[in-house]
Amino acid sequence: MQTVENGCVNIWIDEVVPCLKDNETGEIKETFVFRVESKACIKTFTPKNGWGVDWINMPKEVEIYALVLKENNQIQGLVGIRKDDTMKAAYLHWACSAPWNNKHDFGSQKYSGVGGHLFAVAVDKSKQWGFEGVVYGFALNKELLKHYIEILGCSYLGCLHPYQFMLGIAAAQKLLEVYTYEWN
C-alpha cells in the first residue's frame, strides 16, 4: 500500500540527461540540490497540488532533498531518503516530480530528467553515508519495478516488499557519471 509512512517509489525515468532538459526548447538547464530542513518550505507540497503525498508528514528519520533549477530556484522534484545501517544502503523512501514534469499523471512535461536526478541524489547520499552508492526501495508496482531494472540496472530483491529493488555499486556509479548538479 502506498502511504507516506511506509514509502513507495512512483517516478518514471523518462530520459537520462546530465541536467534537466527543457522539452520545448531542448536546452539543458543546470540544477542544484538542497536538503529541506524547514517544514514551512514543503507544507504546500501535497497530493492535492500534484506532489504525490503530504511531504510535511514524512517520517522524522527521512531526509528530504529538493532538485532545483539554478536560474530561478524553482523546485522540480523532491526525494525522501533514509540512512539504513542494517541494510548498509540508502533507502529511497519517496520520490516525486513536480506536477508540470509528470507526464504520466498530468499529460505534459516541462523538463525531462527529474526521475534519474532523484535516484542520483539517493546514490550520492549513500556514498556520503559510506554505503558505496547502494540504494534500495519499493516500486509502486510491477511495471515500475521492471522499468527500474531495465533503465537503471536495478536488481530485484523482493524480500521486504513484492516490488523491492536494489541499485548496486556498479549501476550507482554509472548513474553518478551521467548526472550533474551542485549541492547547496
N, C-alpha and C. Protein backbone atom coordinates (compact mmCIF):
# COMPACT_ATOMS: atom_id res chain seq x y z
N MET A 1 0.83 -1.19 0.00
CA MET A 1 0.00 0.00 0.00
C MET A 1 0.88 1.25 0.00
N GLN A 2 0.49 2.21 -0.77
CA GLN A 2 1.23 3.45 -0.95
C GLN A 2 0.83 4.45 0.13
N THR A 3 1.71 4.64 1.13
CA THR A 3 1.47 5.64 2.16
C THR A 3 2.76 6.39 2.44
N VAL A 4 2.64 7.55 3.02
CA VAL A 4 3.82 8.35 3.34
C VAL A 4 4.68 7.64 4.39
N GLU A 5 4.06 6.85 5.27
CA GLU A 5 4.80 6.20 6.34
C GLU A 5 5.70 5.07 5.83
N ASN A 6 5.17 4.22 4.93
CA ASN A 6 5.98 3.08 4.50
C ASN A 6 6.79 3.34 3.24
N GLY A 7 6.53 4.43 2.56
CA GLY A 7 7.31 4.79 1.39
C GLY A 7 6.94 4.00 0.15
N CYS A 8 7.27 4.57 -0.98
CA CYS A 8 6.98 3.95 -2.27
C CYS A 8 7.62 4.82 -3.35
N VAL A 9 8.24 4.18 -4.32
CA VAL A 9 8.86 4.93 -5.40
C VAL A 9 7.96 4.83 -6.62
N ASN A 10 7.46 5.97 -7.03
CA ASN A 10 6.48 6.06 -8.11
C ASN A 10 6.92 7.15 -9.09
N ILE A 11 8.12 7.01 -9.61
CA ILE A 11 8.64 8.03 -10.52
C ILE A 11 9.25 7.34 -11.74
N TRP A 12 8.97 7.91 -12.90
CA TRP A 12 9.47 7.35 -14.16
C TRP A 12 10.79 8.01 -14.53
N ILE A 13 11.68 7.21 -15.09
CA ILE A 13 12.94 7.72 -15.61
C ILE A 13 12.69 7.96 -17.10
N ASP A 14 12.38 9.19 -17.46
CA ASP A 14 11.95 9.50 -18.82
C ASP A 14 13.11 9.65 -19.79
N GLU A 15 14.20 10.23 -19.31
CA GLU A 15 15.35 10.47 -20.16
C GLU A 15 16.56 10.61 -19.26
N VAL A 16 17.68 10.06 -19.70
CA VAL A 16 18.91 10.17 -18.93
C VAL A 16 19.73 11.29 -19.55
N VAL A 17 19.72 12.44 -18.87
CA VAL A 17 20.43 13.63 -19.34
C VAL A 17 21.22 14.21 -18.17
N PRO A 18 22.36 14.87 -18.44
CA PRO A 18 23.20 15.37 -17.35
C PRO A 18 22.49 16.34 -16.40
N CYS A 19 21.71 17.22 -16.93
CA CYS A 19 20.90 18.14 -16.12
C CYS A 19 19.48 18.02 -16.64
N LEU A 20 18.62 18.92 -16.27
CA LEU A 20 17.25 18.85 -16.78
C LEU A 20 17.20 19.42 -18.20
N LYS A 21 16.33 18.83 -19.00
CA LYS A 21 16.18 19.30 -20.38
C LYS A 21 14.81 19.94 -20.54
N ASP A 22 14.81 21.17 -21.03
CA ASP A 22 13.57 21.87 -21.34
C ASP A 22 12.98 21.19 -22.57
N ASN A 23 11.83 20.57 -22.43
CA ASN A 23 11.25 19.80 -23.53
C ASN A 23 10.74 20.65 -24.67
N GLU A 24 10.55 21.93 -24.44
CA GLU A 24 10.09 22.82 -25.50
C GLU A 24 11.26 23.31 -26.37
N THR A 25 12.36 23.67 -25.72
CA THR A 25 13.49 24.25 -26.44
C THR A 25 14.66 23.28 -26.66
N GLY A 26 14.70 22.21 -25.87
CA GLY A 26 15.82 21.28 -25.93
C GLY A 26 17.02 21.74 -25.13
N GLU A 27 16.91 22.92 -24.52
CA GLU A 27 18.01 23.49 -23.74
C GLU A 27 18.23 22.71 -22.45
N ILE A 28 19.49 22.50 -22.10
CA ILE A 28 19.86 21.83 -20.86
C ILE A 28 19.95 22.88 -19.76
N LYS A 29 19.28 22.62 -18.66
CA LYS A 29 19.21 23.57 -17.54
C LYS A 29 20.02 23.04 -16.35
N GLU A 30 20.86 23.88 -15.79
CA GLU A 30 21.66 23.49 -14.64
C GLU A 30 20.81 23.44 -13.38
N THR A 31 21.19 22.52 -12.47
CA THR A 31 20.41 22.29 -11.25
C THR A 31 21.31 22.29 -10.02
N PHE A 32 20.66 22.43 -8.89
CA PHE A 32 21.32 22.17 -7.61
C PHE A 32 20.36 21.44 -6.71
N VAL A 33 20.91 20.86 -5.67
CA VAL A 33 20.13 20.07 -4.70
C VAL A 33 20.37 20.66 -3.33
N PHE A 34 19.31 20.76 -2.54
CA PHE A 34 19.47 21.18 -1.15
C PHE A 34 18.58 20.33 -0.25
N ARG A 35 19.01 20.22 0.99
CA ARG A 35 18.21 19.50 1.98
C ARG A 35 17.12 20.43 2.49
N VAL A 36 15.90 19.95 2.50
CA VAL A 36 14.77 20.72 3.00
C VAL A 36 14.71 20.50 4.51
N GLU A 37 15.00 21.53 5.26
CA GLU A 37 15.01 21.39 6.71
C GLU A 37 13.85 22.13 7.36
N SER A 38 13.19 22.97 6.61
CA SER A 38 12.07 23.74 7.15
C SER A 38 10.75 23.13 6.69
N LYS A 39 9.92 22.78 7.64
CA LYS A 39 8.59 22.24 7.31
C LYS A 39 7.76 23.28 6.55
N ALA A 40 7.99 24.54 6.82
CA ALA A 40 7.24 25.60 6.13
C ALA A 40 7.51 25.56 4.62
N CYS A 41 8.71 25.14 4.24
CA CYS A 41 9.09 25.08 2.83
C CYS A 41 8.26 24.07 2.05
N ILE A 42 7.80 23.01 2.71
CA ILE A 42 7.11 21.94 1.98
C ILE A 42 5.65 21.73 2.39
N LYS A 43 5.11 22.63 3.19
CA LYS A 43 3.74 22.41 3.67
C LYS A 43 2.70 22.41 2.55
N THR A 44 3.00 23.06 1.43
CA THR A 44 2.03 23.09 0.32
C THR A 44 2.28 21.97 -0.70
N PHE A 45 3.28 21.13 -0.48
CA PHE A 45 3.57 20.02 -1.39
C PHE A 45 2.71 18.82 -0.98
N THR A 46 1.53 18.74 -1.58
CA THR A 46 0.52 17.75 -1.19
C THR A 46 -0.03 17.03 -2.43
N PRO A 47 -0.74 15.93 -2.22
CA PRO A 47 -1.37 15.24 -3.36
C PRO A 47 -2.35 16.16 -4.10
N LYS A 48 -3.01 17.02 -3.37
CA LYS A 48 -3.97 17.95 -3.96
C LYS A 48 -3.30 18.85 -4.98
N ASN A 49 -2.01 19.16 -4.74
CA ASN A 49 -1.24 20.01 -5.64
C ASN A 49 -0.38 19.21 -6.63
N GLY A 50 -0.56 17.89 -6.65
CA GLY A 50 0.17 17.05 -7.60
C GLY A 50 1.51 16.53 -7.13
N TRP A 51 1.77 16.57 -5.82
CA TRP A 51 3.06 16.14 -5.28
C TRP A 51 3.04 14.76 -4.64
N GLY A 52 2.06 13.93 -4.95
CA GLY A 52 2.05 12.53 -4.54
C GLY A 52 1.64 12.25 -3.11
N VAL A 53 2.26 12.88 -2.16
CA VAL A 53 1.97 12.70 -0.73
C VAL A 53 2.07 14.05 -0.03
N ASP A 54 1.66 14.07 1.23
CA ASP A 54 1.87 15.26 2.06
C ASP A 54 3.31 15.21 2.57
N TRP A 55 4.18 15.93 1.90
CA TRP A 55 5.61 15.88 2.23
C TRP A 55 5.90 16.35 3.65
N ILE A 56 5.05 17.17 4.20
CA ILE A 56 5.25 17.64 5.57
C ILE A 56 5.12 16.49 6.58
N ASN A 57 4.45 15.41 6.18
CA ASN A 57 4.23 14.26 7.07
C ASN A 57 5.25 13.14 6.91
N MET A 58 6.35 13.40 6.22
CA MET A 58 7.38 12.37 6.08
C MET A 58 7.87 11.96 7.47
N PRO A 59 8.17 10.68 7.66
CA PRO A 59 8.74 10.27 8.95
C PRO A 59 9.99 11.07 9.29
N LYS A 60 10.20 11.28 10.56
CA LYS A 60 11.29 12.14 11.05
C LYS A 60 12.67 11.70 10.55
N GLU A 61 12.89 10.40 10.42
CA GLU A 61 14.21 9.90 10.02
C GLU A 61 14.47 10.01 8.51
N VAL A 62 13.47 10.39 7.74
CA VAL A 62 13.62 10.55 6.29
C VAL A 62 14.09 11.98 5.99
N GLU A 63 15.23 12.08 5.31
CA GLU A 63 15.75 13.39 4.90
C GLU A 63 15.14 13.74 3.55
N ILE A 64 14.68 14.96 3.42
CA ILE A 64 14.05 15.41 2.17
C ILE A 64 15.01 16.35 1.44
N TYR A 65 15.17 16.08 0.13
CA TYR A 65 16.02 16.90 -0.72
C TYR A 65 15.20 17.41 -1.90
N ALA A 66 15.49 18.64 -2.30
CA ALA A 66 14.80 19.26 -3.43
C ALA A 66 15.78 19.43 -4.59
N LEU A 67 15.31 19.11 -5.78
CA LEU A 67 16.05 19.35 -7.02
C LEU A 67 15.52 20.66 -7.59
N VAL A 68 16.41 21.61 -7.80
CA VAL A 68 16.01 22.97 -8.12
C VAL A 68 16.75 23.48 -9.36
N LEU A 69 16.06 24.27 -10.18
CA LEU A 69 16.71 24.94 -11.31
C LEU A 69 17.58 26.08 -10.78
N LYS A 70 18.81 26.18 -11.25
CA LYS A 70 19.70 27.26 -10.83
C LYS A 70 19.16 28.62 -11.22
N GLU A 71 18.55 28.71 -12.39
CA GLU A 71 18.15 30.02 -12.92
C GLU A 71 17.03 30.70 -12.15
N ASN A 72 16.17 29.91 -11.48
CA ASN A 72 15.05 30.56 -10.79
C ASN A 72 14.68 29.95 -9.44
N ASN A 73 15.46 28.98 -8.97
CA ASN A 73 15.24 28.32 -7.68
C ASN A 73 13.90 27.58 -7.59
N GLN A 74 13.30 27.25 -8.73
CA GLN A 74 12.02 26.53 -8.71
C GLN A 74 12.27 25.04 -8.48
N ILE A 75 11.57 24.47 -7.52
CA ILE A 75 11.70 23.04 -7.21
C ILE A 75 11.07 22.22 -8.33
N GLN A 76 11.87 21.28 -8.85
CA GLN A 76 11.43 20.42 -9.96
C GLN A 76 11.14 18.99 -9.52
N GLY A 77 11.57 18.65 -8.31
CA GLY A 77 11.33 17.31 -7.78
C GLY A 77 11.78 17.24 -6.34
N LEU A 78 11.22 16.28 -5.62
CA LEU A 78 11.57 16.04 -4.22
C LEU A 78 11.90 14.56 -4.04
N VAL A 79 12.83 14.29 -3.14
CA VAL A 79 13.18 12.90 -2.83
C VAL A 79 13.37 12.78 -1.32
N GLY A 80 12.83 11.70 -0.76
CA GLY A 80 13.00 11.38 0.65
C GLY A 80 13.90 10.16 0.78
N ILE A 81 14.96 10.30 1.58
CA ILE A 81 15.96 9.24 1.70
C ILE A 81 16.25 9.01 3.19
N ARG A 82 16.39 7.73 3.54
CA ARG A 82 16.70 7.38 4.93
C ARG A 82 17.97 6.53 4.96
N LYS A 83 18.84 6.82 5.89
CA LYS A 83 20.05 6.02 6.10
C LYS A 83 19.63 4.71 6.75
N ASP A 84 20.04 3.59 6.17
CA ASP A 84 19.69 2.28 6.71
C ASP A 84 20.98 1.51 7.02
N ASP A 85 21.42 1.62 8.27
CA ASP A 85 22.66 0.96 8.69
C ASP A 85 22.53 -0.56 8.63
N THR A 86 21.36 -1.10 8.88
CA THR A 86 21.16 -2.54 8.85
C THR A 86 21.37 -3.10 7.44
N MET A 87 20.81 -2.44 6.44
CA MET A 87 20.94 -2.88 5.05
C MET A 87 22.23 -2.37 4.40
N LYS A 88 22.94 -1.46 5.08
CA LYS A 88 24.14 -0.85 4.52
C LYS A 88 23.83 -0.20 3.17
N ALA A 89 22.75 0.59 3.18
CA ALA A 89 22.27 1.23 1.95
C ALA A 89 21.44 2.45 2.30
N ALA A 90 21.22 3.28 1.30
CA ALA A 90 20.25 4.38 1.43
C ALA A 90 18.90 3.82 1.02
N TYR A 91 17.89 4.08 1.82
CA TYR A 91 16.53 3.66 1.49
C TYR A 91 15.84 4.82 0.79
N LEU A 92 15.47 4.61 -0.46
CA LEU A 92 14.75 5.62 -1.23
C LEU A 92 13.29 5.53 -0.82
N HIS A 93 12.91 6.38 0.11
CA HIS A 93 11.59 6.32 0.73
C HIS A 93 10.49 6.83 -0.21
N TRP A 94 10.78 7.92 -0.90
CA TRP A 94 9.78 8.51 -1.78
C TRP A 94 10.49 9.42 -2.78
N ALA A 95 9.95 9.52 -3.98
CA ALA A 95 10.47 10.45 -4.99
C ALA A 95 9.30 10.95 -5.82
N CYS A 96 9.35 12.22 -6.16
CA CYS A 96 8.22 12.82 -6.87
C CYS A 96 8.69 13.97 -7.75
N SER A 97 8.26 13.96 -9.01
CA SER A 97 8.48 15.09 -9.90
C SER A 97 7.46 16.17 -9.61
N ALA A 98 7.82 17.40 -9.90
CA ALA A 98 6.83 18.48 -9.84
C ALA A 98 5.71 18.13 -10.82
N PRO A 99 4.48 18.53 -10.53
CA PRO A 99 3.35 18.18 -11.41
C PRO A 99 3.58 18.55 -12.88
N TRP A 100 4.24 19.67 -13.15
CA TRP A 100 4.47 20.09 -14.53
C TRP A 100 5.55 19.25 -15.22
N ASN A 101 6.21 18.35 -14.47
CA ASN A 101 7.20 17.44 -15.05
C ASN A 101 6.71 16.00 -15.07
N ASN A 102 5.46 15.78 -14.70
CA ASN A 102 4.93 14.43 -14.56
C ASN A 102 3.92 14.12 -15.68
N LYS A 103 4.42 13.69 -16.82
CA LYS A 103 3.54 13.42 -17.96
C LYS A 103 2.65 12.21 -17.73
N HIS A 104 3.06 11.29 -16.86
CA HIS A 104 2.27 10.08 -16.61
C HIS A 104 0.97 10.39 -15.88
N ASP A 105 1.01 11.37 -14.98
CA ASP A 105 -0.20 11.73 -14.23
C ASP A 105 -0.89 12.97 -14.77
N PHE A 106 -0.14 13.86 -15.44
CA PHE A 106 -0.72 15.14 -15.83
C PHE A 106 -0.69 15.41 -17.34
N GLY A 107 -0.13 14.47 -18.12
CA GLY A 107 -0.21 14.56 -19.57
C GLY A 107 0.82 15.41 -20.28
N SER A 108 1.54 16.25 -19.55
CA SER A 108 2.57 17.06 -20.20
C SER A 108 3.79 17.12 -19.29
N GLN A 109 4.88 17.65 -19.85
CA GLN A 109 6.12 17.65 -19.09
C GLN A 109 6.99 18.82 -19.53
N LYS A 110 7.29 19.71 -18.61
CA LYS A 110 8.14 20.87 -18.89
C LYS A 110 9.61 20.45 -19.02
N TYR A 111 10.11 19.71 -18.02
CA TYR A 111 11.50 19.28 -18.02
C TYR A 111 11.59 17.76 -17.92
N SER A 112 12.51 17.16 -18.66
CA SER A 112 12.78 15.74 -18.51
C SER A 112 14.09 15.56 -17.76
N GLY A 113 14.25 14.40 -17.17
CA GLY A 113 15.47 14.08 -16.42
C GLY A 113 15.31 14.13 -14.91
N VAL A 114 14.14 14.49 -14.42
CA VAL A 114 13.94 14.63 -12.97
C VAL A 114 14.10 13.29 -12.25
N GLY A 115 13.45 12.25 -12.74
CA GLY A 115 13.49 10.95 -12.06
C GLY A 115 14.89 10.42 -11.87
N GLY A 116 15.69 10.45 -12.92
CA GLY A 116 17.07 9.98 -12.82
C GLY A 116 17.89 10.82 -11.86
N HIS A 117 17.64 12.13 -11.87
CA HIS A 117 18.32 13.02 -10.93
C HIS A 117 18.03 12.62 -9.49
N LEU A 118 16.78 12.32 -9.20
CA LEU A 118 16.40 11.99 -7.82
C LEU A 118 17.03 10.68 -7.38
N PHE A 119 17.13 9.71 -8.28
CA PHE A 119 17.86 8.48 -7.97
C PHE A 119 19.33 8.79 -7.72
N ALA A 120 19.91 9.67 -8.54
CA ALA A 120 21.32 10.04 -8.37
C ALA A 120 21.57 10.70 -7.02
N VAL A 121 20.63 11.52 -6.56
CA VAL A 121 20.76 12.14 -5.24
C VAL A 121 20.80 11.06 -4.15
N ALA A 122 19.95 10.04 -4.28
CA ALA A 122 19.95 8.94 -3.31
C ALA A 122 21.29 8.19 -3.35
N VAL A 123 21.84 7.98 -4.54
CA VAL A 123 23.15 7.34 -4.68
C VAL A 123 24.22 8.20 -4.00
N ASP A 124 24.18 9.49 -4.24
CA ASP A 124 25.13 10.42 -3.64
C ASP A 124 25.08 10.34 -2.11
N LYS A 125 23.87 10.35 -1.55
CA LYS A 125 23.74 10.25 -0.09
C LYS A 125 24.28 8.91 0.41
N SER A 126 24.01 7.83 -0.32
CA SER A 126 24.53 6.52 0.05
C SER A 126 26.06 6.55 0.13
N LYS A 127 26.68 7.18 -0.83
CA LYS A 127 28.14 7.29 -0.81
C LYS A 127 28.61 8.13 0.38
N GLN A 128 27.91 9.23 0.65
CA GLN A 128 28.27 10.08 1.78
C GLN A 128 28.17 9.31 3.10
N TRP A 129 27.20 8.40 3.18
CA TRP A 129 26.99 7.61 4.40
C TRP A 129 27.91 6.38 4.46
N GLY A 130 28.75 6.18 3.45
CA GLY A 130 29.69 5.06 3.46
C GLY A 130 29.13 3.76 2.91
N PHE A 131 28.07 3.82 2.12
CA PHE A 131 27.43 2.61 1.57
C PHE A 131 27.76 2.38 0.10
N GLU A 132 28.77 3.07 -0.43
CA GLU A 132 29.28 2.87 -1.79
C GLU A 132 28.25 3.10 -2.90
N GLY A 133 27.20 3.85 -2.60
CA GLY A 133 26.19 4.16 -3.61
C GLY A 133 25.01 3.22 -3.64
N VAL A 134 24.99 2.21 -2.80
CA VAL A 134 23.90 1.23 -2.81
C VAL A 134 22.61 1.88 -2.30
N VAL A 135 21.55 1.69 -3.08
CA VAL A 135 20.23 2.24 -2.77
C VAL A 135 19.20 1.13 -2.95
N TYR A 136 18.20 1.11 -2.07
CA TYR A 136 17.08 0.20 -2.30
C TYR A 136 15.78 0.95 -2.04
N GLY A 137 14.70 0.38 -2.52
CA GLY A 137 13.40 0.98 -2.33
C GLY A 137 12.31 0.02 -2.77
N PHE A 138 11.08 0.48 -2.69
CA PHE A 138 9.91 -0.31 -3.06
C PHE A 138 9.19 0.39 -4.20
N ALA A 139 9.18 -0.22 -5.37
CA ALA A 139 8.46 0.35 -6.51
C ALA A 139 6.96 0.24 -6.25
N LEU A 140 6.21 1.16 -6.83
CA LEU A 140 4.76 1.16 -6.66
C LEU A 140 4.11 -0.10 -7.22
N ASN A 141 4.64 -0.58 -8.35
CA ASN A 141 4.02 -1.73 -9.00
C ASN A 141 5.05 -2.49 -9.82
N LYS A 142 4.60 -3.59 -10.42
CA LYS A 142 5.48 -4.45 -11.21
C LYS A 142 6.03 -3.72 -12.43
N GLU A 143 5.22 -2.87 -13.05
CA GLU A 143 5.64 -2.11 -14.23
C GLU A 143 6.81 -1.18 -13.90
N LEU A 144 6.72 -0.47 -12.78
CA LEU A 144 7.81 0.43 -12.38
C LEU A 144 9.05 -0.37 -11.97
N LEU A 145 8.86 -1.49 -11.29
CA LEU A 145 9.98 -2.34 -10.92
C LEU A 145 10.75 -2.76 -12.18
N LYS A 146 10.04 -3.23 -13.18
CA LYS A 146 10.65 -3.64 -14.45
C LYS A 146 11.37 -2.45 -15.10
N HIS A 147 10.75 -1.28 -15.04
CA HIS A 147 11.33 -0.05 -15.59
C HIS A 147 12.67 0.27 -14.92
N TYR A 148 12.74 0.19 -13.58
CA TYR A 148 13.98 0.48 -12.86
C TYR A 148 15.07 -0.54 -13.19
N ILE A 149 14.67 -1.79 -13.38
CA ILE A 149 15.63 -2.83 -13.75
C ILE A 149 16.19 -2.56 -15.14
N GLU A 150 15.31 -2.23 -16.10
CA GLU A 150 15.74 -2.01 -17.48
C GLU A 150 16.52 -0.71 -17.66
N ILE A 151 16.05 0.37 -17.08
CA ILE A 151 16.66 1.68 -17.32
C ILE A 151 17.88 1.95 -16.44
N LEU A 152 17.78 1.59 -15.17
CA LEU A 152 18.85 1.94 -14.23
C LEU A 152 19.79 0.78 -13.90
N GLY A 153 19.40 -0.43 -14.26
CA GLY A 153 20.22 -1.59 -13.92
C GLY A 153 20.00 -2.08 -12.50
N CYS A 154 18.83 -1.78 -11.95
CA CYS A 154 18.50 -2.25 -10.60
C CYS A 154 18.34 -3.77 -10.61
N SER A 155 18.42 -4.35 -9.44
CA SER A 155 18.18 -5.78 -9.25
C SER A 155 16.89 -5.95 -8.47
N TYR A 156 16.21 -7.05 -8.72
CA TYR A 156 15.00 -7.38 -7.97
C TYR A 156 15.41 -8.07 -6.67
N LEU A 157 14.88 -7.60 -5.54
CA LEU A 157 15.13 -8.25 -4.25
C LEU A 157 13.89 -8.98 -3.76
N GLY A 158 12.79 -8.25 -3.58
CA GLY A 158 11.54 -8.86 -3.17
C GLY A 158 11.50 -9.44 -1.77
N CYS A 159 12.47 -9.15 -0.93
CA CYS A 159 12.50 -9.69 0.44
C CYS A 159 11.51 -9.00 1.36
N LEU A 160 11.53 -7.69 1.38
CA LEU A 160 10.72 -6.92 2.30
C LEU A 160 9.41 -6.42 1.69
N HIS A 161 9.31 -6.50 0.36
CA HIS A 161 8.17 -5.95 -0.37
C HIS A 161 8.13 -6.67 -1.72
N PRO A 162 6.96 -6.91 -2.28
CA PRO A 162 6.90 -7.64 -3.56
C PRO A 162 7.61 -6.92 -4.72
N TYR A 163 7.80 -5.60 -4.61
CA TYR A 163 8.45 -4.86 -5.68
C TYR A 163 9.72 -4.17 -5.19
N GLN A 164 10.42 -4.82 -4.28
CA GLN A 164 11.65 -4.26 -3.74
C GLN A 164 12.77 -4.37 -4.77
N PHE A 165 13.50 -3.27 -4.94
CA PHE A 165 14.63 -3.24 -5.86
C PHE A 165 15.87 -2.75 -5.14
N MET A 166 17.02 -3.01 -5.76
CA MET A 166 18.28 -2.51 -5.24
C MET A 166 19.11 -1.99 -6.41
N LEU A 167 19.69 -0.84 -6.23
CA LEU A 167 20.65 -0.29 -7.18
C LEU A 167 22.02 -0.56 -6.58
N GLY A 168 22.78 -1.46 -7.21
CA GLY A 168 24.08 -1.88 -6.70
C GLY A 168 25.19 -0.88 -7.01
N ILE A 169 26.38 -1.22 -6.59
CA ILE A 169 27.53 -0.32 -6.69
C ILE A 169 27.84 0.07 -8.14
N ALA A 170 27.91 -0.89 -9.05
CA ALA A 170 28.27 -0.60 -10.44
C ALA A 170 27.22 0.28 -11.11
N ALA A 171 25.94 -0.07 -10.95
CA ALA A 171 24.86 0.72 -11.56
C ALA A 171 24.80 2.12 -10.94
N ALA A 172 25.06 2.20 -9.64
CA ALA A 172 25.06 3.50 -8.96
C ALA A 172 26.15 4.40 -9.52
N GLN A 173 27.33 3.83 -9.73
CA GLN A 173 28.45 4.61 -10.27
C GLN A 173 28.13 5.13 -11.67
N LYS A 174 27.50 4.28 -12.50
CA LYS A 174 27.11 4.70 -13.86
C LYS A 174 26.15 5.89 -13.79
N LEU A 175 25.23 5.84 -12.85
CA LEU A 175 24.25 6.92 -12.70
C LEU A 175 24.95 8.23 -12.32
N LEU A 176 25.87 8.15 -11.38
CA LEU A 176 26.58 9.36 -10.96
C LEU A 176 27.47 9.94 -12.06
N GLU A 177 27.90 9.09 -12.98
CA GLU A 177 28.73 9.57 -14.09
C GLU A 177 27.92 10.39 -15.08
N VAL A 178 26.60 10.21 -15.10
CA VAL A 178 25.74 10.93 -16.05
C VAL A 178 25.24 12.25 -15.48
N TYR A 179 24.73 12.22 -14.26
CA TYR A 179 24.03 13.38 -13.71
C TYR A 179 24.98 14.38 -13.08
N THR A 180 24.70 15.66 -13.38
CA THR A 180 25.49 16.74 -12.80
C THR A 180 24.54 17.69 -12.08
N TYR A 181 24.91 18.06 -10.91
CA TYR A 181 24.17 19.03 -10.10
C TYR A 181 25.11 19.45 -8.99
N GLU A 182 24.80 20.53 -8.35
CA GLU A 182 25.61 21.00 -7.23
C GLU A 182 24.82 20.87 -5.96
N TRP A 183 25.51 20.64 -4.86
CA TRP A 183 24.88 20.65 -3.54
C TRP A 183 24.88 22.09 -3.05
N ASN A 184 23.81 22.51 -2.43
CA ASN A 184 23.72 23.87 -1.91
C ASN A 184 23.33 23.81 -0.45
